[in-house]
Amino acid sequence: MVITVREPGTKTFIDIHAYPEDYKDSTAWRIQYPGIDPFLMVKEQGEWLVADNETINIDVADAVIEGLAHAVDKK
């Protein structure tokens, strides 16, 4: 799926790809964000978390979480 996020540095909207992936008992999303290695986002107890990479910039993670909330959670 393609999600739209607001790039933290420039505040412009960009489209990124998110691919479903099994993670424990949940569906997670493998995020392909420009300039960084793909990382996994999973929703646990109602909160989106980075599951496999601790070095993601918090602003990038927040932008992706907002995009996922609109695309997956339909907020």
N, C-alpha and C. Protein backbone atom coordinates (compact mmCIF):
# COMPACT_ATOMS: atom_id res chain seq x y z
N MET A 1 0.85 -1.16 0.00
CA MET A 1 0.00 0.00 0.00
C MET A 1 0.90 1.23 0.00
N VAL A 2 0.38 2.29 -0.51
CA VAL A 2 1.09 3.56 -0.49
C VAL A 2 0.44 4.44 0.56
N ILE A 3 1.27 5.02 1.44
CA ILE A 3 0.75 5.97 2.41
C ILE A 3 1.43 7.31 2.20
N THR A 4 0.73 8.36 2.55
CA THR A 4 1.26 9.70 2.42
C THR A 4 1.68 10.20 3.79
N VAL A 5 2.90 10.69 3.88
CA VAL A 5 3.42 11.23 5.14
C VAL A 5 3.96 12.62 4.90
N ARG A 6 3.99 13.40 5.97
CA ARG A 6 4.59 14.73 5.90
C ARG A 6 6.05 14.58 6.32
N GLU A 7 6.95 14.83 5.37
CA GLU A 7 8.39 14.70 5.61
C GLU A 7 8.78 15.71 6.69
N PRO A 8 9.40 15.24 7.78
CA PRO A 8 9.68 16.12 8.92
C PRO A 8 10.58 17.33 8.60
N GLY A 9 11.55 17.17 7.75
CA GLY A 9 12.49 18.26 7.47
C GLY A 9 11.90 19.37 6.64
N THR A 10 11.23 18.99 5.55
CA THR A 10 10.71 19.99 4.61
C THR A 10 9.23 20.27 4.80
N LYS A 11 8.54 19.42 5.55
CA LYS A 11 7.09 19.52 5.77
C LYS A 11 6.27 19.30 4.51
N THR A 12 6.90 18.75 3.47
CA THR A 12 6.17 18.43 2.26
C THR A 12 5.62 17.01 2.38
N PHE A 13 4.55 16.74 1.63
CA PHE A 13 3.97 15.41 1.64
C PHE A 13 4.69 14.52 0.63
N ILE A 14 4.99 13.29 1.06
CA ILE A 14 5.61 12.31 0.17
C ILE A 14 4.83 11.01 0.29
N ASP A 15 4.85 10.23 -0.77
CA ASP A 15 4.25 8.90 -0.75
C ASP A 15 5.33 7.87 -0.49
N ILE A 16 5.06 6.96 0.44
CA ILE A 16 6.00 5.88 0.74
C ILE A 16 5.24 4.57 0.63
N HIS A 17 5.98 3.48 0.53
CA HIS A 17 5.37 2.16 0.42
C HIS A 17 5.40 1.46 1.77
N ALA A 18 4.31 0.74 2.04
CA ALA A 18 4.20 -0.08 3.24
C ALA A 18 3.69 -1.45 2.80
N TYR A 19 4.39 -2.50 3.20
CA TYR A 19 4.05 -3.86 2.79
C TYR A 19 3.64 -4.67 4.02
N PRO A 20 2.51 -5.39 3.97
CA PRO A 20 2.10 -6.19 5.12
C PRO A 20 3.08 -7.31 5.40
N GLU A 21 3.24 -7.59 6.68
CA GLU A 21 4.16 -8.64 7.11
C GLU A 21 3.63 -9.21 8.42
N ASP A 22 3.70 -10.53 8.57
CA ASP A 22 3.29 -11.15 9.83
C ASP A 22 4.29 -10.84 10.92
N TYR A 23 3.78 -10.49 12.09
CA TYR A 23 4.63 -10.22 13.25
C TYR A 23 3.90 -10.73 14.47
N LYS A 24 4.42 -11.80 15.07
CA LYS A 24 3.75 -12.46 16.18
C LYS A 24 2.32 -12.77 15.77
N ASP A 25 1.33 -12.25 16.49
CA ASP A 25 -0.07 -12.51 16.17
C ASP A 25 -0.73 -11.33 15.46
N SER A 26 0.08 -10.43 14.92
CA SER A 26 -0.45 -9.21 14.32
C SER A 26 0.04 -9.04 12.89
N THR A 27 -0.66 -8.17 12.17
CA THR A 27 -0.15 -7.73 10.88
C THR A 27 0.66 -6.47 11.12
N ALA A 28 1.87 -6.48 10.65
CA ALA A 28 2.74 -5.31 10.76
C ALA A 28 2.95 -4.77 9.35
N TRP A 29 3.64 -3.64 9.26
CA TRP A 29 3.89 -3.01 7.97
C TRP A 29 5.37 -2.72 7.82
N ARG A 30 5.95 -3.26 6.75
CA ARG A 30 7.36 -3.00 6.41
C ARG A 30 7.37 -1.67 5.66
N ILE A 31 8.01 -0.68 6.23
CA ILE A 31 8.01 0.68 5.70
C ILE A 31 9.28 0.93 4.89
N GLN A 32 9.10 1.43 3.69
CA GLN A 32 10.24 1.83 2.86
C GLN A 32 10.23 3.35 2.77
N TYR A 33 11.08 3.94 3.60
CA TYR A 33 11.18 5.40 3.68
C TYR A 33 12.47 5.82 3.00
N PRO A 34 12.44 6.87 2.19
CA PRO A 34 13.64 7.26 1.43
C PRO A 34 14.84 7.55 2.33
N GLY A 35 15.97 7.00 1.95
CA GLY A 35 17.22 7.29 2.63
C GLY A 35 17.54 6.47 3.86
N ILE A 36 16.63 5.58 4.27
CA ILE A 36 16.92 4.73 5.43
C ILE A 36 16.51 3.29 5.10
N ASP A 37 17.07 2.35 5.86
CA ASP A 37 16.74 0.95 5.67
C ASP A 37 15.26 0.72 6.01
N PRO A 38 14.61 -0.21 5.30
CA PRO A 38 13.22 -0.53 5.63
C PRO A 38 13.09 -0.95 7.10
N PHE A 39 11.97 -0.58 7.69
CA PHE A 39 11.75 -0.92 9.10
C PHE A 39 10.31 -1.37 9.28
N LEU A 40 10.05 -2.06 10.38
CA LEU A 40 8.76 -2.68 10.63
C LEU A 40 7.99 -1.89 11.68
N MET A 41 6.73 -1.57 11.35
CA MET A 41 5.84 -0.91 12.30
C MET A 41 4.72 -1.89 12.65
N VAL A 42 4.41 -1.99 13.93
CA VAL A 42 3.35 -2.89 14.38
C VAL A 42 2.49 -2.15 15.40
N LYS A 43 1.21 -2.48 15.40
CA LYS A 43 0.31 -1.88 16.37
C LYS A 43 0.10 -2.87 17.51
N GLU A 44 0.50 -2.46 18.71
CA GLU A 44 0.36 -3.29 19.90
C GLU A 44 -0.36 -2.49 20.97
N GLN A 45 -1.41 -3.06 21.50
CA GLN A 45 -2.22 -2.42 22.54
C GLN A 45 -2.64 -1.01 22.13
N GLY A 46 -3.02 -0.85 20.86
CA GLY A 46 -3.53 0.40 20.35
C GLY A 46 -2.50 1.44 19.99
N GLU A 47 -1.22 1.09 20.07
CA GLU A 47 -0.15 2.05 19.80
C GLU A 47 0.79 1.52 18.72
N TRP A 48 1.12 2.37 17.74
CA TRP A 48 2.07 1.99 16.69
C TRP A 48 3.49 2.08 17.24
N LEU A 49 4.28 1.02 16.99
CA LEU A 49 5.65 0.94 17.47
C LEU A 49 6.59 0.49 16.36
N VAL A 50 7.83 0.94 16.41
CA VAL A 50 8.87 0.42 15.53
C VAL A 50 9.32 -0.89 16.13
N ALA A 51 9.23 -1.98 15.37
CA ALA A 51 9.46 -3.31 15.93
C ALA A 51 10.87 -3.84 15.73
N ASP A 52 11.62 -3.35 14.75
CA ASP A 52 12.88 -4.02 14.47
C ASP A 52 14.06 -3.09 14.22
N ASN A 53 13.92 -1.83 14.52
CA ASN A 53 15.02 -0.91 14.28
C ASN A 53 14.93 0.22 15.29
N GLU A 54 15.88 0.30 16.18
CA GLU A 54 15.85 1.29 17.25
C GLU A 54 16.48 2.61 16.85
N THR A 55 17.01 2.72 15.63
CA THR A 55 17.72 3.94 15.25
C THR A 55 16.91 4.86 14.34
N ILE A 56 15.62 4.65 14.26
CA ILE A 56 14.77 5.50 13.43
C ILE A 56 14.58 6.85 14.12
N ASN A 57 14.76 7.92 13.37
CA ASN A 57 14.53 9.27 13.88
C ASN A 57 13.08 9.37 14.37
N ILE A 58 12.90 9.91 15.56
CA ILE A 58 11.57 9.97 16.16
C ILE A 58 10.60 10.79 15.29
N ASP A 59 11.09 11.82 14.63
CA ASP A 59 10.22 12.62 13.76
C ASP A 59 9.75 11.82 12.55
N VAL A 60 10.64 10.99 12.01
CA VAL A 60 10.26 10.11 10.90
C VAL A 60 9.23 9.09 11.39
N ALA A 61 9.49 8.49 12.54
CA ALA A 61 8.55 7.50 13.10
C ALA A 61 7.18 8.15 13.32
N ASP A 62 7.14 9.36 13.87
CA ASP A 62 5.87 10.04 14.10
C ASP A 62 5.14 10.32 12.79
N ALA A 63 5.87 10.71 11.77
CA ALA A 63 5.25 10.97 10.46
C ALA A 63 4.65 9.69 9.89
N VAL A 64 5.37 8.58 10.01
CA VAL A 64 4.88 7.30 9.51
C VAL A 64 3.66 6.85 10.32
N ILE A 65 3.71 7.03 11.63
CA ILE A 65 2.57 6.67 12.47
C ILE A 65 1.33 7.46 12.07
N GLU A 66 1.49 8.73 11.79
CA GLU A 66 0.34 9.54 11.35
C GLU A 66 -0.20 9.03 10.02
N GLY A 67 0.71 8.68 9.10
CA GLY A 67 0.28 8.13 7.82
C GLY A 67 -0.44 6.80 7.97
N LEU A 68 0.08 5.94 8.83
CA LEU A 68 -0.56 4.65 9.07
C LEU A 68 -1.92 4.83 9.74
N ALA A 69 -2.02 5.78 10.64
CA ALA A 69 -3.30 6.03 11.31
C ALA A 69 -4.37 6.40 10.29
N HIS A 70 -4.00 7.21 9.29
CA HIS A 70 -4.98 7.59 8.28
C HIS A 70 -5.27 6.44 7.31
N ALA A 71 -4.26 5.67 6.96
CA ALA A 71 -4.44 4.61 5.96
C ALA A 71 -5.01 3.32 6.54
N VAL A 72 -4.53 2.94 7.72
CA VAL A 72 -4.91 1.64 8.29
C VAL A 72 -6.02 1.81 9.33
N ASP A 73 -5.86 2.80 10.21
CA ASP A 73 -6.84 2.99 11.28
C ASP A 73 -8.04 3.80 10.81
N LYS A 74 -7.91 4.45 9.64
CA LYS A 74 -8.99 5.26 9.05
C LYS A 74 -9.41 6.41 9.96
N LYS A 75 -8.42 7.08 10.54
CA LYS A 75 -8.71 8.25 11.39
C LYS A 75 -8.82 9.48 10.55
